Protein backbone atom coordinates (compact mmCIF):
# COMPACT_ATOMS: atom_id res chain seq x y z
CA MET A 1 23.75 -20.13 52.10
CA ASN A 2 26.13 -21.92 54.66
CA LYS A 3 28.33 -22.93 51.66
CA MET A 4 28.52 -19.30 50.61
CA LYS A 5 29.83 -18.21 53.99
CA LEU A 6 32.06 -21.19 54.39
CA ALA A 7 33.73 -19.91 50.92
CA ALA A 8 33.80 -16.45 51.95
CA LEU A 9 35.74 -17.43 55.28
CA ALA A 10 38.17 -19.68 53.19
CA ALA A 11 38.75 -16.59 50.87
CA LEU A 12 39.58 -14.31 53.85
CA ILE A 13 41.76 -16.95 55.37
CA ALA A 14 43.57 -17.38 52.01
CA SER A 15 43.88 -13.49 51.51
CA THR A 16 45.39 -12.82 55.01
CA GLY A 17 48.20 -15.52 54.27
CA ALA A 18 48.85 -13.66 51.25
CA MET A 19 48.97 -10.27 53.00
CA ALA A 20 51.91 -11.51 55.37
CA GLU A 21 54.72 -9.06 55.65
CA THR A 22 57.05 -9.50 52.89
CA ASP A 23 60.99 -9.88 53.46
CA ASN A 24 62.87 -6.92 52.19
CA THR A 25 66.39 -7.94 53.42
CA GLY A 26 69.10 -10.22 52.32
CA PHE A 27 69.97 -11.79 48.98
CA TYR A 28 67.73 -11.69 45.93
CA VAL A 29 68.09 -13.06 42.34
CA GLY A 30 66.13 -12.60 39.25
CA GLY A 31 65.57 -12.27 35.63
CA ALA A 32 64.00 -9.92 33.06
CA ILE A 33 62.95 -9.26 29.74
CA ASN A 34 63.87 -5.91 28.34
CA GLN A 35 63.02 -3.24 25.52
CA VAL A 36 66.60 -2.16 24.73
CA LYS A 37 67.60 1.11 22.56
CA ALA A 38 71.22 1.93 21.75
CA SER A 39 72.69 5.03 20.07
CA GLY A 40 75.90 6.74 19.89
CA ASP A 41 77.98 9.65 18.13
CA GLY A 42 74.76 11.45 17.40
CA GLU A 43 73.93 8.68 14.79
CA GLY A 44 70.51 7.11 14.85
CA SER A 45 69.16 4.62 17.43
CA SER A 46 68.46 1.00 17.18
CA ASP A 47 66.05 -0.88 19.32
CA GLY A 48 65.14 -4.44 20.21
CA VAL A 49 64.49 -7.10 22.77
CA GLY A 50 66.87 -8.11 25.31
CA PHE A 51 67.12 -10.60 28.37
CA GLY A 52 68.85 -9.82 31.70
CA ALA A 53 69.78 -11.31 35.06
CA TYR A 54 69.98 -9.17 38.26
CA GLY A 55 70.78 -9.84 41.89
CA GLY A 56 71.78 -8.14 45.03
CA TYR A 57 71.89 -7.85 48.69
CA ASN A 58 69.46 -5.63 50.79
CA PHE A 59 71.41 -4.60 53.93
CA ASN A 60 68.12 -3.12 55.34
CA GLU A 61 64.86 -2.08 54.09
CA TRP A 62 66.12 1.17 52.22
CA PHE A 63 69.73 0.17 51.31
CA GLY A 64 71.09 -2.50 49.02
CA LEU A 65 73.98 -3.23 46.57
CA GLU A 66 72.93 -4.50 42.93
CA ALA A 67 74.39 -6.11 40.01
CA ASN A 68 72.73 -6.42 36.63
CA LEU A 69 73.91 -8.05 33.57
CA PHE A 70 71.86 -7.74 30.25
CA ALA A 71 72.41 -8.30 26.47
CA SER A 72 70.26 -7.32 23.55
CA GLY A 73 69.14 -9.36 20.74
CA ASP A 74 70.04 -7.96 17.06
CA LEU A 75 69.31 -4.22 17.09
CA GLY A 76 70.83 -3.66 13.81
CA GLU A 77 68.79 -3.16 10.33
CA ASP A 78 69.67 -3.46 6.73
CA GLY A 79 72.20 -6.29 6.90
CA VAL A 80 73.98 -4.80 9.77
CA ASP A 81 74.03 -6.91 13.06
CA VAL A 82 74.21 -4.95 16.24
CA GLY A 83 74.23 -6.10 19.74
CA ALA A 84 74.71 -4.32 23.07
CA GLY A 85 75.26 -5.22 26.70
CA ALA A 86 76.48 -4.17 29.87
CA LEU A 87 77.25 -5.31 33.42
CA THR A 88 76.55 -2.90 36.17
CA PHE A 89 77.21 -2.29 39.74
CA THR A 90 74.94 0.10 41.96
CA PRO A 91 73.85 1.01 45.40
CA LYS A 92 70.02 0.96 45.31
CA PHE A 93 67.80 2.95 47.46
CA THR A 94 64.22 1.78 48.19
CA TYR A 95 61.18 3.60 49.45
CA HIS A 96 58.14 1.15 50.71
CA PHE A 97 54.76 2.49 50.35
CA ASN A 98 53.35 -0.54 52.14
CA ASP A 99 54.02 -4.15 52.50
CA THR A 100 53.28 -4.88 48.75
CA PHE A 101 54.49 -1.69 47.01
CA SER A 102 58.20 -0.05 46.74
CA ALA A 103 60.09 2.32 44.31
CA PHE A 104 63.87 2.21 44.02
CA ALA A 105 66.47 4.46 42.49
CA LYS A 106 70.13 3.41 41.71
CA VAL A 107 73.35 4.98 40.28
CA GLY A 108 76.59 3.37 39.83
CA VAL A 109 79.34 1.96 37.19
CA ALA A 110 78.99 -0.03 34.05
CA SER A 111 81.25 -2.11 32.01
CA MET A 112 79.65 -1.78 28.41
CA ALA A 113 79.92 -3.48 25.16
CA VAL A 114 78.74 -3.17 21.50
CA VAL A 115 79.42 -5.58 18.87
CA VAL A 116 78.94 -4.66 15.31
CA ASP A 117 78.92 -7.10 12.46
CA TYR A 118 78.40 -5.85 8.83
CA GLY A 119 79.75 -8.41 6.14
CA PRO A 120 83.63 -8.48 6.32
CA PHE A 121 83.44 -5.65 8.97
CA ASP A 122 83.34 -6.85 12.43
CA ALA A 123 84.12 -4.69 15.53
CA ASP A 124 83.76 -5.15 19.16
CA TYR A 125 83.74 -1.94 21.24
CA THR A 126 84.15 -1.82 25.00
CA GLY A 127 84.51 0.49 27.76
CA TRP A 128 83.26 1.83 31.16
CA GLY A 129 80.25 4.12 31.71
CA LEU A 130 77.97 5.43 34.26
CA THR A 131 74.48 3.84 34.89
CA TRP A 132 71.40 4.91 36.79
CA GLY A 133 67.93 3.62 37.09
CA VAL A 134 64.34 3.92 38.72
CA GLY A 135 61.62 1.34 38.95
CA VAL A 136 58.69 -0.04 41.13
CA ASN A 137 58.47 -3.30 42.65
CA ALA A 138 55.23 -5.31 43.83
CA ALA A 139 55.65 -8.27 46.20
CA LEU A 140 53.58 -11.13 44.83
CA THR A 141 54.14 -13.35 47.75
CA GLU A 142 56.51 -13.13 50.93
CA LYS A 143 59.29 -14.04 48.54
CA LEU A 144 58.28 -13.55 44.88
CA ASN A 145 58.64 -9.97 43.49
CA LEU A 146 57.71 -8.41 40.19
CA ARG A 147 59.44 -5.21 39.16
CA LEU A 148 59.26 -2.67 36.33
CA SER A 149 62.24 -0.63 35.69
CA TYR A 150 63.85 2.15 33.64
CA ASP A 151 67.65 1.95 33.32
CA GLU A 152 70.24 4.10 31.23
CA THR A 153 73.92 3.45 30.85
CA ARG A 154 76.24 6.18 29.04
CA GLY A 155 80.08 5.95 28.29
CA ASP A 156 82.60 6.14 25.63
CA LEU A 157 83.90 2.91 23.98
CA ASP A 158 86.95 1.98 22.07
CA GLU A 159 87.41 -0.76 19.57
CA ASP A 160 89.12 -3.85 20.90
CA GLY A 161 92.08 -4.63 18.66
CA PHE A 162 91.98 -1.35 16.96
CA TRP A 163 94.85 -1.13 14.14
CA PHE A 164 93.70 1.41 11.76
CA ASP A 165 93.39 5.34 12.24
CA ASN A 166 92.56 8.28 10.09
CA ASP A 167 90.57 11.33 10.11
CA TYR A 168 87.28 9.70 9.49
CA TYR A 169 87.51 6.64 11.87
CA ASN A 170 89.56 6.46 15.01
CA GLY A 171 88.21 3.30 16.62
CA GLU A 172 85.98 4.91 18.99
CA ILE A 173 82.18 5.53 19.66
CA ASP A 174 81.58 8.46 21.71
CA ASN A 175 78.52 9.31 23.74
CA VAL A 176 76.96 5.68 23.77
CA LYS A 177 73.71 5.50 25.27
CA ILE A 178 72.00 2.19 26.21
CA SER A 179 68.60 2.42 27.69
CA GLN A 180 66.27 -0.19 28.63
CA ILE A 181 62.71 -0.84 29.96
CA SER A 182 62.61 -4.01 31.90
CA LEU A 183 60.17 -6.44 33.39
CA GLY A 184 61.48 -8.53 36.03
CA LEU A 185 60.69 -11.20 38.51
CA HIS A 186 63.08 -12.05 41.47
CA TYR A 187 63.25 -14.31 44.36
CA GLN A 188 64.09 -12.66 47.64
CA PHE A 189 66.11 -15.29 49.83
């Protein structure tokens, strides 16, 4: 019986250490695995897995700035290789439910890219767009955080090195939408 009381006391001490107040300000950096979906010009959409890195600075518990760089794996099918990615810059607004859980929303600008490789046809499309995202954050320890988020980036892209123009093809992809559901892990310095 004494061993059981001692084990319960040890578990209580260990759990109070894990329940220490989390650090919500300063720099953070992390990585994510993403489920990416891309579409444009009213065409069908393609989806696949992607990876990303993100980081930022929280000025206080509710406001920060964040940058997110992500790229997809191959989103194409039927012999067409398609890749999509973006570099986003956003202010981020956070609401803390308690020391462990918080929710955030962000909106900002993005530099976007889509690469298409279809046999002899290679095209790189780039441009600027708008991005927004929402998510939830769970503090695993005082410095280590797990997050689940949804991000969407939209914009019109132009082909780099475009040289051919006619009624059917003008070197642009309008209304490009890249969305992603991300599972990320980051360290708060």
